Amino acid sequence: MSKMEKAKAAAEEEQKAQNFYKAIEAYAECLNFDPLNVEYNQTVLYNRACILIRTGQNDKAMADLDRAIKCNPEFVQAYFKKGDMKLDQKLYDEAIGEYSKVKHFNP
């Protein structure tokens, strides 16, 4: 297992143990390994966004989801999560826009 994968696994373990702030830090370290590895980074950003949401850091979570989408413009999980966040904020038109991207990329 590579150093990158070990770091990601450690972050995931912190997340499973609900050590959210440690997991956020661990995922941040993961992003330093290979900025050009978009597949790895999109997953790390998405996972960190999920934790940020659980800790009430919605602005940071939205930024991570946007960065994940920048890594992969067809990353449907990120669009879906953004739609859920917009729905929670009662931003219905924006939520529909995010969900329509999910449908477009994954009919």
Protein backbone atom coordinates (compact mmCIF):
# COMPACT_ATOMS: atom_id res chain seq x y z
CA MET A 1 0.00 0.00 0.00
CA SER A 2 1.41 3.37 -0.97
CA LYS A 3 2.01 6.19 1.46
CA MET A 4 -0.94 8.06 -0.08
CA GLU A 5 -3.31 5.15 0.41
CA LYS A 6 -2.11 4.61 3.99
CA ALA A 7 -2.76 8.27 4.80
CA LYS A 8 -6.23 8.08 3.26
CA ALA A 9 -7.01 4.87 5.16
CA ALA A 10 -5.90 6.55 8.40
CA ALA A 11 -8.18 9.51 7.69
CA GLU A 12 -11.07 7.14 6.98
CA GLU A 13 -10.45 5.36 10.29
CA GLU A 14 -10.62 8.68 12.15
CA GLN A 15 -13.86 9.41 10.32
CA LYS A 16 -15.35 6.02 11.25
CA ALA A 17 -14.34 6.59 14.87
CA GLN A 18 -16.10 9.97 14.69
CA ASN A 19 -12.89 11.83 15.46
CA PHE A 20 -14.02 14.44 12.98
CA TYR A 21 -11.43 17.14 13.60
CA LYS A 22 -8.59 14.62 13.41
CA ALA A 23 -10.09 13.25 10.19
CA ILE A 24 -10.30 16.75 8.70
CA GLU A 25 -6.61 17.27 9.46
CA ALA A 26 -5.70 13.86 8.09
CA TYR A 27 -7.57 14.49 4.84
CA ALA A 28 -5.82 17.86 4.54
CA GLU A 29 -2.48 16.05 4.73
CA CYS A 30 -3.65 13.65 2.01
CA LEU A 31 -4.12 16.55 -0.37
CA ASN A 32 -0.42 17.39 -0.13
CA PHE A 33 0.80 14.13 -1.66
CA ASP A 34 0.00 14.54 -5.34
CA PRO A 35 -1.92 17.63 -6.51
CA LEU A 36 -2.19 16.18 -10.02
CA ASN A 37 -3.86 12.92 -8.96
CA VAL A 38 -7.41 14.08 -9.58
CA GLU A 39 -9.12 10.76 -8.86
CA TYR A 40 -7.49 10.48 -5.45
CA ASN A 41 -7.99 14.15 -4.61
CA GLN A 42 -11.67 14.23 -5.64
CA THR A 43 -12.39 11.41 -3.20
CA VAL A 44 -10.39 13.02 -0.40
CA LEU A 45 -12.14 16.36 -0.95
CA TYR A 46 -15.56 14.69 -1.02
CA ASN A 47 -14.87 12.75 2.18
CA ARG A 48 -13.60 15.84 3.94
CA ALA A 49 -16.66 17.80 2.77
CA CYS A 50 -18.93 15.19 4.35
CA ILE A 51 -17.16 15.63 7.68
CA LEU A 52 -17.18 19.41 7.40
CA ILE A 53 -20.96 19.26 6.95
CA ARG A 54 -21.29 17.13 10.09
CA THR A 55 -19.27 19.70 12.02
CA GLY A 56 -21.35 22.62 10.74
CA GLN A 57 -18.66 24.02 8.45
CA ASN A 58 -20.91 24.25 5.41
CA ASP A 59 -18.99 26.98 3.58
CA LYS A 60 -15.78 24.97 3.75
CA ALA A 61 -17.68 21.85 2.72
CA MET A 62 -19.12 23.61 -0.31
CA ALA A 63 -15.63 24.79 -1.27
CA ASP A 64 -14.31 21.22 -1.05
CA LEU A 65 -17.19 19.94 -3.18
CA ASP A 66 -16.47 22.62 -5.76
CA ARG A 67 -12.79 21.61 -5.76
CA ALA A 68 -13.78 17.96 -6.17
CA ILE A 69 -15.92 18.90 -9.17
CA LYS A 70 -13.01 20.87 -10.57
CA CYS A 71 -10.97 17.65 -10.37
CA ASN A 72 -13.73 15.76 -12.17
CA PRO A 73 -16.58 17.76 -13.75
CA GLU A 74 -18.68 14.57 -13.89
CA PHE A 75 -18.33 13.67 -10.18
CA VAL A 76 -22.01 13.00 -9.51
CA GLN A 77 -21.63 12.34 -5.78
CA ALA A 78 -20.37 15.88 -5.28
CA TYR A 79 -23.27 17.37 -7.23
CA PHE A 80 -25.71 15.25 -5.23
CA LYS A 81 -24.18 16.37 -1.93
CA LYS A 82 -24.31 20.01 -3.09
CA GLY A 83 -27.97 19.52 -3.98
CA ASP A 84 -28.68 18.13 -0.52
CA MET A 85 -26.95 21.12 1.07
CA LYS A 86 -28.91 23.58 -1.07
CA LEU A 87 -32.12 21.76 -0.21
CA ASP A 88 -31.34 22.02 3.52
CA GLN A 89 -30.84 25.76 3.03
CA LYS A 90 -34.23 25.96 1.24
CA LEU A 91 -32.49 27.10 -1.94
CA TYR A 92 -34.79 24.96 -4.05
CA ASP A 93 -33.91 26.26 -7.51
CA GLU A 94 -30.20 25.85 -6.82
CA ALA A 95 -30.80 22.34 -5.44
CA ILE A 96 -32.70 21.40 -8.59
CA GLY A 97 -29.78 22.71 -10.64
CA GLU A 98 -27.34 20.45 -8.78
CA TYR A 99 -29.62 17.42 -9.01
CA SER A 100 -30.12 18.01 -12.74
CA LYS A 101 -26.34 17.73 -13.18
CA VAL A 102 -26.50 14.34 -11.47
CA LYS A 103 -29.20 13.25 -13.89
CA HIS A 104 -27.21 14.61 -16.85
CA PHE A 105 -24.02 12.74 -15.99
CA ASN A 106 -25.67 9.61 -14.59
CA PRO A 107 -29.10 9.08 -16.19
